[in-house]
Amino acid sequence: VSSPPFTLVLSNPPYIPPSHMASLQAEVRDHEPTVALRGWDEDGVGAYRVLAQQLASDEMLLPGGRVVVEVG
């Protein structure tokens, strides 16, 4: 892992609201680690908020840098 600033940030944070965990397909719910699926807060997107705050305030990206994240 390098130190900032980066040319690319790639992230697949958890984003499933805790209230939706029970309704996931069994193939997902029963075989993926819960920590990889369940979001950090009630709406599931707390990790995205933290990432966005860090990218905005910490000079994490070089000019022209890219951020790629997985979303629902």
C-alpha atoms as a PDB file:
ATOM      1  CA  VAL A   1       0.000   0.000   0.000  1.00  0.00           C
ATOM      2  CA  SER A   2       1.296   3.402  -0.943  1.00  0.00           C
ATOM      3  CA  SER A   3       0.852   6.719   0.794  1.00  0.00           C
ATOM      4  CA  PRO A   4      -1.464   9.453  -0.485  1.00  0.00           C
ATOM      5  CA  PRO A   5      -1.984  11.109  -2.802  1.00  0.00           C
ATOM      6  CA  PHE A   6      -3.223   8.373  -5.124  1.00  0.00           C
ATOM      7  CA  THR A   7      -4.078   8.258  -8.808  1.00  0.00           C
ATOM      8  CA  LEU A   8      -6.755   5.612  -8.167  1.00  0.00           C
ATOM      9  CA  VAL A   9      -8.855   4.578  -5.175  1.00  0.00           C
ATOM     10  CA  LEU A  10     -10.798   1.347  -5.681  1.00  0.00           C
ATOM     11  CA  SER A  11     -13.225   0.260  -2.977  1.00  0.00           C
ATOM     12  CA  ASN A  12     -15.963  -2.295  -2.432  1.00  0.00           C
ATOM     13  CA  PRO A  13     -17.248  -1.344   1.016  1.00  0.00           C
ATOM     14  CA  PRO A  14     -20.255  -3.039   2.610  1.00  0.00           C
ATOM     15  CA  TYR A  15     -23.535  -1.358   1.700  1.00  0.00           C
ATOM     16  CA  ILE A  16     -26.462  -3.585   2.630  1.00  0.00           C
ATOM     17  CA  PRO A  17     -28.682  -2.086   5.331  1.00  0.00           C
ATOM     18  CA  PRO A  18     -28.792  -4.309   8.417  1.00  0.00           C
ATOM     19  CA  SER A  19     -32.570  -4.590   8.061  1.00  0.00           C
ATOM     20  CA  HIS A  20     -32.113  -6.253   4.635  1.00  0.00           C
ATOM     21  CA  MET A  21     -29.605  -8.908   5.681  1.00  0.00           C
ATOM     22  CA  ALA A  22     -32.211 -11.592   6.405  1.00  0.00           C
ATOM     23  CA  SER A  23     -33.783 -11.216   2.956  1.00  0.00           C
ATOM     24  CA  LEU A  24     -30.561 -11.740   0.972  1.00  0.00           C
ATOM     25  CA  GLN A  25     -30.301 -14.758  -1.292  1.00  0.00           C
ATOM     26  CA  ALA A  26     -29.040 -17.751   0.659  1.00  0.00           C
ATOM     27  CA  GLU A  27     -26.030 -18.020  -1.678  1.00  0.00           C
ATOM     28  CA  VAL A  28     -24.941 -14.589  -0.553  1.00  0.00           C
ATOM     29  CA  ARG A  29     -26.128 -14.509   3.052  1.00  0.00           C
ATOM     30  CA  ASP A  30     -24.759 -17.936   3.966  1.00  0.00           C
ATOM     31  CA  HIS A  31     -21.379 -17.776   2.217  1.00  0.00           C
ATOM     32  CA  GLU A  32     -20.138 -14.185   2.348  1.00  0.00           C
ATOM     33  CA  PRO A  33     -18.698 -12.765   5.573  1.00  0.00           C
ATOM     34  CA  THR A  34     -21.240 -10.525   7.285  1.00  0.00           C
ATOM     35  CA  VAL A  35     -18.616  -7.793   7.653  1.00  0.00           C
ATOM     36  CA  ALA A  36     -18.279  -7.709   3.842  1.00  0.00           C
ATOM     37  CA  LEU A  37     -22.026  -7.208   3.354  1.00  0.00           C
ATOM     38  CA  ARG A  38     -23.638  -5.281   6.206  1.00  0.00           C
ATOM     39  CA  GLY A  39     -23.280  -1.530   6.026  1.00  0.00           C
ATOM     40  CA  TRP A  40     -22.049   0.492   8.957  1.00  0.00           C
ATOM     41  CA  ASP A  41     -25.287   2.260   9.770  1.00  0.00           C
ATOM     42  CA  GLU A  42     -29.039   2.003   9.335  1.00  0.00           C
ATOM     43  CA  ASP A  43     -29.056   2.932   5.632  1.00  0.00           C
ATOM     44  CA  GLY A  44     -25.960   0.855   4.910  1.00  0.00           C
ATOM     45  CA  VAL A  45     -23.810   3.532   3.311  1.00  0.00           C
ATOM     46  CA  GLY A  46     -21.762   4.793   6.254  1.00  0.00           C
ATOM     47  CA  ALA A  47     -18.537   3.489   4.719  1.00  0.00           C
ATOM     48  CA  TYR A  48     -19.223   5.588   1.621  1.00  0.00           C
ATOM     49  CA  ARG A  49     -19.698   8.691   3.763  1.00  0.00           C
ATOM     50  CA  VAL A  50     -16.388   8.118   5.534  1.00  0.00           C
ATOM     51  CA  LEU A  51     -14.584   7.481   2.250  1.00  0.00           C
ATOM     52  CA  ALA A  52     -16.070  10.616   0.684  1.00  0.00           C
ATOM     53  CA  GLN A  53     -15.070  12.729   3.690  1.00  0.00           C
ATOM     54  CA  GLN A  54     -11.525  11.390   3.612  1.00  0.00           C
ATOM     55  CA  LEU A  55     -11.189  11.938  -0.123  1.00  0.00           C
ATOM     56  CA  ALA A  56     -12.494  15.493   0.188  1.00  0.00           C
ATOM     57  CA  SER A  57     -10.455  16.587   3.176  1.00  0.00           C
ATOM     58  CA  ASP A  58      -7.174  14.696   3.164  1.00  0.00           C
ATOM     59  CA  GLU A  59      -5.844  15.438  -0.317  1.00  0.00           C
ATOM     60  CA  MET A  60      -6.047  11.734  -1.055  1.00  0.00           C
ATOM     61  CA  LEU A  61      -6.218  12.063  -4.851  1.00  0.00           C
ATOM     62  CA  LEU A  62      -3.778  13.524  -7.305  1.00  0.00           C
ATOM     63  CA  PRO A  63      -5.233  15.975  -9.827  1.00  0.00           C
ATOM     64  CA  GLY A  64      -7.135  13.884 -12.361  1.00  0.00           C
ATOM     65  CA  GLY A  65      -7.264  10.944  -9.956  1.00  0.00           C
ATOM     66  CA  ARG A  66     -10.190   8.515 -10.006  1.00  0.00           C
ATOM     67  CA  VAL A  67     -12.408   6.868  -7.414  1.00  0.00           C
ATOM     68  CA  VAL A  68     -14.186   3.624  -8.278  1.00  0.00           C
ATOM     69  CA  VAL A  69     -16.673   2.059  -5.857  1.00  0.00           C
ATOM     70  CA  GLU A  70     -19.247  -0.700  -6.108  1.00  0.00           C
ATOM     71  CA  VAL A  71     -22.843   0.320  -5.473  1.00  0.00           C
ATOM     72  CA  GLY A  72     -26.021  -1.757  -5.164  1.00  0.00           C
END
